[in-house]
Each structure stands twice: as C-alpha cells, then as structure tokens.
Amino acid sequence: MKKNLFFLILIALFFALPSALAQHRVKAEGTATIHNNLIDIARDKAIENAQRNAVERAVGVMISSSTEVENYQVKMDRILSESQGFINEYKILSENRAENQYKVVIDADVGLGKLKDRMKAINLVMVRKDKPRLMIIFTDREPKDVIAEASMAKSFLSRGFRIIDAQVINNARERNGLPKMVSDSRETAKAAHDYGAEIVILGRTEATSTLFTISGVDMHSNKVIVSVKIMNADTGEIIATDSEIASAPGLKGDFKAVTEQASGALAKKMMNNVLERWSSELANTVTVNLMVSGLGSYEDLLKFKELLSTDVKGFKQLFQRTYQNGIVELDIEIKGNTQSLADDLAAITLNDRHVKILEITPNRIKAQAL
C-alpha cells in the first residue's frame, strides 16, 4: 500500500512539475487617468496596464538571463500588444483613487511557457528575413518631415533593422529627385533597390496650428498627421499603410513633440503589420519575382515553366507577366524562400543548358539560360 502511494505521489509530481515551472508570480502596479469621472473605465485600464507591466517584468527576467537582448524591443512591442493572453490568472491586492488617477496592484500568474514560445517565434521571423535594410523617404524636407523621418528611423533601428544612411538618401534626393518619384511605385522601388534597400518607407506629414482661448488667454493647439506606406523595394508591392495623429497645446507652429509622438507610435504599428505579413509568408507561401533571359524560343519558355513546376521544391503556382526577345518575367509562389528557389534554379538543365543566377534579393531573382 505504501509502495503504491509512493508511486502515485511521484506521478503527481511528474505532471505538476512542468506546470509549476511554467508559472511565474509577479506583483505589478498599474495606473490610469480618470476622465469625466468615469471611474469604472479608468479601473479597467489600470488593471490592463498592470497586466502589461507584469508581462514586461516576466519577459525582462527571461531576457536578462539569456543572450536575446538584441531584439528585446521588438519582442516587447509584439508581446505587450497581447499581454492578457499570457496571464493565467490574477488577483487585485489593492486599489485606490488619488485625485484624477486610479491605481491598482495585482498579483499575476504569468505563463512563461507561452511567453518563451512567442519570443522564439518573433526572433525566428527576424532571422529568417535577414533583417532587411530600410530606406525612409518623406516627400518634403520641411522641419516636421525631417523630425518624422528621424523619429521613425530611431524606432526601426531599436527594433533590429538596418537603415540606409540618411545622408545617402538626401544626396539621392538632390541628384535624382526622389520626392517627385513617390507617386510611381516602380520608380521608387528601383531607386531604393539601387541604394541597397529591400524595404522603402514613403511618408508625409500634415501639420495645423489652431488658435483657442482659455480664460481670456490665447493658446494654440498643434496637430500633426503622419502617414506612411511600406513598399517591397524588389517588387514595388505595398506591404502596409497607416497613419497616426497627435496633438498638444503649445506655441504656434511648434510641431516637434507631436511629430515625434505620432511618428513613434506609427512606427510601432507598422512594425507589427510587417511582422504579421512576414509570419504569414513564412508559414504559407511567398511570391518571388523571377526575370530570366536567354530563352531562345517560345518552346524554351514552355519547357522552362514545366521544369519550374517539377524541379522547384515547394512550388505552388506561377504567373507570367511579360515575355519579349527571349526574356520572361514570372511571379512564382513557393513554400520556402528566395534562396532555396535560386538553389533549385541553378540545378535546372534546359536543353543541355544550365541556368546562371545573376542577382538575388529577398523577393527577386535575375537569371540567364546559358
């Protein structure tokens, strides 16, 4: 009987141990401003803020004990946007109101296992996409545009991206008139690609300063709208678009603080959009633009397309864009990446000729049949 009881205890410990290790008790504080005396809303927001702080503390402990410091900020931005999903349970230890602030303190059980899986997934997306280089172009060169450009560059740099030197971009503006090209996606994509960027961010700012009076005192409300679209420099495809508005009282025309606020918030949103897009591509299919020259006849083209469907791993389908003078442009959907497609192309034999890879970028390949 004792022996059976001993084994039952061992079995219970075996199943309980992973659960215990996956839990992490965190005490965290959260605050929120009370607007229009709506205490219930402020209380909910304070609890949400406390939950975010609890998850942030748990992630900080995990990262500080590992070698993953480099991508800390991008992990935090993504994880904190869904922080409630990592909290198994929580209880409120205290709550009170102080003037227009509502404060809560919670004791939360944070699921470390789920957090670790999420962190690994984000890191994997960044690594498999080779940390693409960005080119940031704002249509004008007014002070507010320069501020927005610098703020967005700072945000993306902090998230592990590489950015083409701002001076190179400014010189390119003067020589090639890049601001005039932003309405032509192909020209903009080509310009960005020529300077080594895989992604180009096209932005513009709108600023207004409105006069208002409080107790006989004239004041100004400064408002800035920052709008951007992110483009794949290889294909000219728009990946994501969004805008952000910020406003604050101040001196007439003083747009620095609100521009930085709007640009920073917008950069985070766009980063999330891009990561979602990349995650989907890595899990499903990716479209690669393939340009092949040296096809001597239309029969060669038909044979080449047949070889693509049989010899390329992860091949899904292709779309022919143009064919002229032995040069074909194809969009190929594959389960994999551009490098694996290039490797398979290099192994193809077309009527005793081989395929030479001339250029590879994250979403485009140039090749020649020799």
Protein backbone atom coordinates (compact mmCIF):
# COMPACT_ATOMS: atom_id res chain seq x y z
CA MET A 1 0.00 0.00 0.00
CA LYS A 2 2.79 2.40 0.93
CA LYS A 3 4.63 1.49 -2.26
CA ASN A 4 1.57 2.25 -4.36
CA LEU A 5 1.09 5.55 -2.55
CA PHE A 6 4.73 6.44 -3.20
CA PHE A 7 4.32 5.85 -6.95
CA LEU A 8 1.11 7.87 -7.02
CA ILE A 9 2.94 10.80 -5.40
CA LEU A 10 5.78 10.51 -7.93
CA ILE A 11 3.30 10.50 -10.80
CA ALA A 12 1.50 13.55 -9.39
CA LEU A 13 4.80 15.41 -9.02
CA PHE A 14 5.82 14.46 -12.56
CA PHE A 15 2.72 16.03 -14.07
CA ALA A 16 2.70 19.00 -11.70
CA LEU A 17 6.36 19.94 -12.19
CA PRO A 18 6.12 21.30 -15.78
CA SER A 19 3.11 23.37 -14.75
CA ALA A 20 4.95 24.75 -11.73
CA LEU A 21 8.00 25.61 -13.80
CA ALA A 22 5.82 27.32 -16.39
CA GLN A 23 4.32 29.67 -13.81
CA HIS A 24 5.78 32.92 -12.61
CA ARG A 25 4.14 35.01 -9.90
CA VAL A 26 4.58 38.72 -10.47
CA LYS A 27 3.40 41.68 -8.42
CA ALA A 28 2.78 44.70 -10.64
CA GLU A 29 1.25 48.15 -10.41
CA GLY A 30 -0.98 49.82 -12.97
CA THR A 31 -2.40 53.32 -13.26
CA ALA A 32 -4.85 55.16 -15.47
CA THR A 33 -6.20 58.69 -15.70
CA ILE A 34 -9.85 59.25 -14.77
CA HIS A 35 -11.65 61.22 -17.49
CA ASN A 36 -15.10 62.79 -16.93
CA ASN A 37 -15.31 60.98 -13.57
CA LEU A 38 -15.69 57.60 -15.35
CA ILE A 39 -14.07 55.52 -12.61
CA ASP A 40 -15.07 52.10 -13.98
CA ILE A 41 -13.32 52.76 -17.29
CA ALA A 42 -10.21 54.06 -15.52
CA ARG A 43 -10.19 50.99 -13.25
CA ASP A 44 -10.31 48.61 -16.24
CA LYS A 45 -7.48 50.49 -17.93
CA ALA A 46 -5.41 50.45 -14.73
CA ILE A 47 -5.83 46.67 -14.47
CA GLU A 48 -4.83 46.29 -18.12
CA ASN A 49 -1.78 48.48 -17.51
CA ALA A 50 -0.83 46.33 -14.51
CA GLN A 51 -1.13 43.19 -16.61
CA ARG A 52 1.16 44.66 -19.26
CA ASN A 53 3.68 45.62 -16.57
CA ALA A 54 3.54 42.09 -15.13
CA VAL A 55 4.27 40.53 -18.51
CA GLU A 56 7.03 43.06 -19.18
CA ARG A 57 8.71 42.17 -15.90
CA ALA A 58 8.48 38.47 -16.68
CA VAL A 59 9.97 38.96 -20.14
CA GLY A 60 12.72 41.16 -18.72
CA VAL A 61 13.77 38.40 -16.34
CA MET A 62 13.80 35.84 -19.14
CA ILE A 63 15.81 38.02 -21.50
CA SER A 64 18.31 39.18 -18.87
CA SER A 65 19.15 35.52 -18.24
CA SER A 66 19.69 34.73 -21.93
CA THR A 67 21.54 36.04 -24.96
CA GLU A 68 18.47 37.54 -26.66
CA VAL A 69 18.99 41.16 -25.64
CA GLU A 70 19.45 42.38 -29.23
CA ASN A 71 15.79 42.01 -30.23
CA TYR A 72 14.40 42.99 -26.82
CA GLN A 73 12.34 45.93 -28.03
CA VAL A 74 10.67 44.20 -30.96
CA LYS A 75 9.79 41.27 -28.70
CA MET A 76 8.33 43.61 -26.10
CA ASP A 77 6.23 45.58 -28.59
CA ARG A 78 4.70 42.43 -30.01
CA ILE A 79 4.23 40.59 -26.73
CA LEU A 80 2.75 43.53 -24.81
CA SER A 81 0.13 44.05 -27.52
CA GLU A 82 -1.35 40.71 -26.45
CA SER A 83 -0.27 40.67 -22.79
CA GLN A 84 -3.60 39.45 -21.40
CA GLY A 85 -3.16 36.18 -23.28
CA PHE A 86 -0.07 35.34 -21.21
CA ILE A 87 -1.68 35.81 -17.80
CA ASN A 88 -3.26 32.64 -16.44
CA GLU A 89 -4.91 34.39 -13.52
CA TYR A 90 -4.53 37.44 -11.30
CA LYS A 91 -5.91 38.92 -8.11
CA ILE A 92 -6.12 42.55 -7.07
CA LEU A 93 -4.07 43.22 -3.94
CA SER A 94 -5.08 46.87 -3.60
CA GLU A 95 -6.79 49.67 -5.49
CA ASN A 96 -7.39 53.33 -4.78
CA ARG A 97 -8.08 56.71 -6.32
CA ALA A 98 -5.76 59.68 -5.90
CA GLU A 99 -7.22 62.84 -7.47
CA ASN A 100 -7.58 62.05 -11.19
CA GLN A 101 -5.52 58.83 -11.11
CA TYR A 102 -6.73 55.29 -10.43
CA LYS A 103 -4.12 52.84 -9.14
CA VAL A 104 -4.23 49.06 -8.76
CA VAL A 105 -1.69 46.49 -7.59
CA ILE A 106 -2.12 42.92 -8.80
CA ASP A 107 -0.52 39.56 -8.19
CA ALA A 108 -0.42 37.79 -11.57
CA ASP A 109 0.43 34.27 -12.68
CA VAL A 110 2.33 34.74 -15.96
CA GLY A 111 2.61 31.74 -18.27
CA LEU A 112 6.34 31.58 -19.01
CA GLY A 113 5.95 28.67 -21.43
CA LYS A 114 3.67 30.68 -23.71
CA LEU A 115 5.97 33.69 -23.41
CA LYS A 116 9.04 31.69 -24.41
CA ASP A 117 7.26 30.27 -27.45
CA ARG A 118 6.17 33.76 -28.53
CA MET A 119 9.65 35.22 -28.12
CA LYS A 120 11.23 32.43 -30.15
CA ALA A 121 8.66 32.90 -32.91
CA ILE A 122 9.35 36.64 -33.20
CA ASN A 123 13.10 36.11 -33.22
CA LEU A 124 12.78 33.43 -35.89
CA VAL A 125 10.80 35.75 -38.17
CA MET A 126 13.51 38.43 -37.94
CA VAL A 127 16.34 35.97 -38.56
CA ARG A 128 14.69 34.20 -41.49
CA LYS A 129 14.01 37.54 -43.17
CA ASP A 130 17.69 38.53 -42.75
CA LYS A 131 16.85 41.85 -41.05
CA PRO A 132 16.00 43.78 -44.21
CA ARG A 133 17.51 47.22 -44.83
CA LEU A 134 15.16 50.19 -44.88
CA MET A 135 15.10 53.39 -46.89
CA ILE A 136 12.92 56.13 -45.38
CA ILE A 137 11.69 58.84 -47.75
CA PHE A 138 9.47 61.73 -46.67
CA THR A 139 8.06 63.74 -49.56
CA ASP A 140 9.12 67.15 -48.25
CA ARG A 141 12.17 68.46 -46.41
CA GLU A 142 10.41 70.82 -44.01
CA PRO A 143 11.43 70.62 -40.33
CA LYS A 144 8.43 68.47 -39.43
CA ASP A 145 9.33 65.95 -42.16
CA VAL A 146 12.94 65.75 -41.01
CA ILE A 147 11.75 65.17 -37.42
CA ALA A 148 9.30 62.46 -38.52
CA GLU A 149 11.95 60.74 -40.63
CA ALA A 150 14.49 60.76 -37.80
CA SER A 151 11.95 59.53 -35.25
CA MET A 152 10.88 56.61 -37.45
CA ALA A 153 14.50 55.73 -38.21
CA LYS A 154 15.27 55.64 -34.49
CA SER A 155 12.28 53.36 -33.84
CA PHE A 156 13.18 50.87 -36.55
CA LEU A 157 16.86 50.85 -35.57
CA SER A 158 15.90 50.00 -32.00
CA ARG A 159 13.98 47.02 -33.34
CA GLY A 160 16.94 45.43 -35.08
CA PHE A 161 16.51 46.80 -38.61
CA ARG A 162 19.30 48.24 -40.69
CA ILE A 163 18.72 51.63 -42.30
CA ILE A 164 20.41 53.16 -45.32
CA ASP A 165 22.41 56.19 -44.18
CA ALA A 166 20.27 59.33 -44.15
CA GLN A 167 22.95 61.36 -45.95
CA VAL A 168 22.93 58.90 -48.83
CA ILE A 169 19.18 59.34 -49.11
CA ASN A 170 19.42 63.13 -49.02
CA ASN A 171 22.12 63.14 -51.70
CA ALA A 172 19.96 60.85 -53.81
CA ARG A 173 17.07 63.27 -53.45
CA GLU A 174 19.15 66.09 -54.88
CA ARG A 175 20.55 64.05 -57.76
CA ASN A 176 17.54 62.00 -58.75
CA GLY A 177 14.57 63.96 -57.49
CA LEU A 178 13.23 61.15 -55.30
CA PRO A 179 10.36 63.20 -53.84
CA LYS A 180 8.88 63.52 -57.33
CA MET A 181 9.05 59.76 -57.76
CA VAL A 182 6.99 58.71 -54.75
CA SER A 183 3.79 58.56 -56.79
CA ASP A 184 5.39 55.99 -59.12
CA SER A 185 5.85 52.80 -57.12
CA ARG A 186 8.10 51.09 -59.67
CA GLU A 187 10.46 54.06 -59.93
CA THR A 188 10.60 54.45 -56.16
CA ALA A 189 11.22 50.72 -55.70
CA LYS A 190 14.00 50.82 -58.29
CA ALA A 191 15.66 53.82 -56.62
CA ALA A 192 15.53 52.17 -53.20
CA HIS A 193 16.85 48.90 -54.62
CA ASP A 194 19.75 50.71 -56.32
CA TYR A 195 20.85 52.02 -52.92
CA GLY A 196 20.72 48.57 -51.30
CA ALA A 197 17.33 48.73 -49.56
CA GLU A 198 14.88 45.84 -49.54
CA ILE A 199 12.07 47.91 -47.99
CA VAL A 200 11.20 51.55 -48.58
CA ILE A 201 9.02 53.62 -46.27
CA LEU A 202 7.24 56.51 -48.01
CA GLY A 203 5.91 59.13 -45.63
CA ARG A 204 4.32 62.54 -45.49
CA THR A 205 3.27 64.89 -42.69
CA GLU A 206 0.42 67.38 -42.39
CA ALA A 207 0.52 69.99 -39.66
CA THR A 208 -2.01 72.55 -38.45
CA SER A 209 -1.98 75.06 -35.60
CA THR A 210 -5.37 76.22 -34.27
CA LEU A 211 -5.93 79.22 -32.02
CA PHE A 212 -8.19 78.80 -28.98
CA THR A 213 -8.82 80.85 -25.83
CA ILE A 214 -8.97 79.70 -22.20
CA SER A 215 -9.94 82.23 -19.52
CA GLY A 216 -9.05 85.05 -21.87
CA VAL A 217 -5.62 83.59 -22.68
CA ASP A 218 -4.84 82.84 -26.34
CA MET A 219 -3.27 79.41 -26.92
CA HIS A 220 -2.58 77.19 -29.90
CA SER A 221 -3.34 73.52 -30.48
CA ASN A 222 -0.70 71.95 -32.71
CA LYS A 223 -1.80 68.85 -34.62
CA VAL A 224 0.28 66.58 -36.85
CA ILE A 225 -0.85 63.72 -39.08
CA VAL A 226 1.92 61.33 -40.16
CA SER A 227 1.02 58.92 -42.96
CA VAL A 228 3.25 56.20 -44.38
CA LYS A 229 3.16 53.24 -46.70
CA ILE A 230 5.71 50.44 -46.67
CA MET A 231 6.79 49.06 -50.03
CA ASN A 232 8.73 46.00 -51.08
CA ALA A 233 11.67 47.50 -52.98
CA ASP A 234 12.10 44.33 -55.03
CA THR A 235 8.60 44.23 -56.44
CA GLY A 236 7.01 47.64 -55.80
CA GLU A 237 4.24 45.90 -53.81
CA ILE A 238 2.66 47.87 -50.96
CA ILE A 239 3.03 45.85 -47.75
CA ALA A 240 1.13 48.09 -45.36
CA THR A 241 -0.28 51.60 -44.99
CA ASP A 242 -1.38 53.54 -41.93
CA SER A 243 -1.43 56.98 -40.28
CA GLU A 244 -1.23 58.44 -36.80
CA ILE A 245 -2.50 61.72 -35.34
CA ALA A 246 -1.06 63.58 -32.36
CA SER A 247 -1.96 66.98 -30.93
CA ALA A 248 -0.98 69.11 -27.96
CA PRO A 249 -1.19 72.74 -26.81
CA GLY A 250 1.89 74.88 -27.27
CA LEU A 251 3.46 77.73 -29.15
CA LYS A 252 2.14 78.33 -32.62
CA GLY A 253 3.89 76.09 -35.13
CA ASP A 254 5.86 74.11 -32.52
CA PHE A 255 5.32 70.64 -34.03
CA LYS A 256 8.42 68.84 -32.74
CA ALA A 257 6.91 66.97 -29.77
CA VAL A 258 3.67 65.95 -31.51
CA THR A 259 5.55 64.88 -34.64
CA GLU A 260 7.85 62.64 -32.60
CA GLN A 261 4.85 61.22 -30.73
CA ALA A 262 2.90 60.43 -33.89
CA SER A 263 5.93 59.04 -35.74
CA GLY A 264 6.99 56.79 -32.87
CA ALA A 265 3.50 55.36 -32.41
CA LEU A 266 3.11 54.84 -36.15
CA ALA A 267 6.46 53.07 -36.42
CA LYS A 268 5.33 50.53 -33.80
CA LYS A 269 2.06 49.88 -35.62
CA MET A 270 3.79 49.45 -38.96
CA MET A 271 6.33 47.10 -37.40
CA ASN A 272 3.51 44.90 -36.12
CA ASN A 273 1.88 44.91 -39.57
CA VAL A 274 5.12 43.92 -41.27
CA LEU A 275 5.85 41.15 -38.77
CA GLU A 276 2.36 39.75 -39.26
CA ARG A 277 2.91 39.79 -43.02
CA TRP A 278 6.27 38.05 -42.73
CA SER A 279 4.92 35.46 -40.30
CA SER A 280 2.18 34.63 -42.80
CA GLU A 281 4.66 34.33 -45.66
CA LEU A 282 6.96 32.05 -43.68
CA ALA A 283 4.04 29.85 -42.63
CA ASN A 284 2.35 29.77 -46.03
CA THR A 285 3.73 30.92 -49.39
CA VAL A 286 5.93 33.74 -50.63
CA THR A 287 5.88 35.34 -54.09
CA VAL A 288 9.24 35.74 -55.82
CA ASN A 289 9.70 37.85 -58.94
CA LEU A 290 11.86 35.93 -61.43
CA MET A 291 13.44 37.51 -64.51
CA VAL A 292 15.15 35.05 -66.89
CA SER A 293 16.94 35.98 -70.12
CA GLY A 294 18.48 33.78 -72.81
CA LEU A 295 15.38 31.79 -73.69
CA GLY A 296 15.91 31.23 -77.42
CA SER A 297 12.33 30.42 -78.37
CA TYR A 298 8.80 30.21 -77.07
CA GLU A 299 9.25 26.44 -76.87
CA ASP A 300 12.17 27.06 -74.47
CA LEU A 301 9.86 29.17 -72.33
CA LEU A 302 7.22 26.42 -72.18
CA LYS A 303 9.87 23.84 -71.24
CA PHE A 304 11.34 26.15 -68.59
CA LYS A 305 7.95 26.72 -66.95
CA GLU A 306 7.36 22.98 -66.90
CA LEU A 307 10.73 22.44 -65.20
CA LEU A 308 9.85 25.03 -62.57
CA SER A 309 6.71 23.11 -61.64
CA THR A 310 8.58 19.80 -61.33
CA ASP A 311 12.09 20.75 -60.10
CA VAL A 312 11.44 23.56 -57.61
CA LYS A 313 10.76 22.42 -54.06
CA GLY A 314 7.63 23.94 -52.53
CA PHE A 315 6.35 25.16 -55.94
CA LYS A 316 2.71 26.27 -55.80
CA GLN A 317 1.97 28.24 -58.98
CA LEU A 318 3.36 30.83 -61.36
CA PHE A 319 2.04 33.85 -63.19
CA GLN A 320 3.66 35.05 -66.40
CA ARG A 321 3.92 38.83 -66.56
CA THR A 322 5.84 39.53 -69.77
CA TYR A 323 7.81 37.71 -72.49
CA GLN A 324 9.83 39.58 -75.09
CA ASN A 325 13.03 38.85 -77.04
CA GLY A 326 13.86 35.75 -75.03
CA ILE A 327 13.29 37.46 -71.65
CA VAL A 328 10.47 36.34 -69.37
CA GLU A 329 9.20 37.87 -66.13
CA LEU A 330 7.39 35.48 -63.79
CA ASP A 331 5.86 35.72 -60.32
CA ILE A 332 6.35 32.38 -58.58
CA GLU A 333 4.55 31.32 -55.42
CA ILE A 334 6.57 28.87 -53.34
CA LYS A 335 6.62 27.42 -49.86
CA GLY A 336 10.12 28.43 -48.90
CA ASN A 337 12.33 31.43 -49.59
CA THR A 338 14.19 33.16 -52.41
CA GLN A 339 17.50 31.45 -51.66
CA SER A 340 16.00 27.96 -51.88
CA LEU A 341 14.39 28.88 -55.22
CA ALA A 342 17.73 30.16 -56.53
CA ASP A 343 19.42 26.91 -55.49
CA ASP A 344 16.83 24.87 -57.40
CA LEU A 345 17.08 27.14 -60.46
CA ALA A 346 20.86 26.71 -60.57
CA ALA A 347 20.37 22.94 -60.76
CA ILE A 348 17.94 23.07 -63.72
CA THR A 349 19.13 21.87 -67.14
CA LEU A 350 17.23 23.35 -70.08
CA ASN A 351 18.01 21.54 -73.34
CA ASP A 352 21.64 20.92 -72.26
CA ARG A 353 21.95 24.48 -70.96
CA HIS A 354 22.18 25.49 -67.34
CA VAL A 355 20.69 28.48 -65.52
CA LYS A 356 23.11 31.08 -64.17
CA ILE A 357 21.96 33.17 -61.21
CA LEU A 358 22.87 36.82 -61.81
CA GLU A 359 21.26 38.57 -58.82
CA ILE A 360 19.35 37.63 -55.67
CA THR A 361 17.41 39.93 -53.36
CA PRO A 362 14.82 38.94 -50.73
CA ASN A 363 11.95 38.84 -53.25
CA ARG A 364 13.58 38.89 -56.68
CA ILE A 365 15.92 36.78 -58.78
CA LYS A 366 17.61 37.60 -62.07
CA ALA A 367 18.94 34.65 -64.08
CA GLN A 368 20.15 33.71 -67.53
CA ALA A 369 19.95 30.48 -69.53
CA LEU A 370 23.43 29.72 -70.93
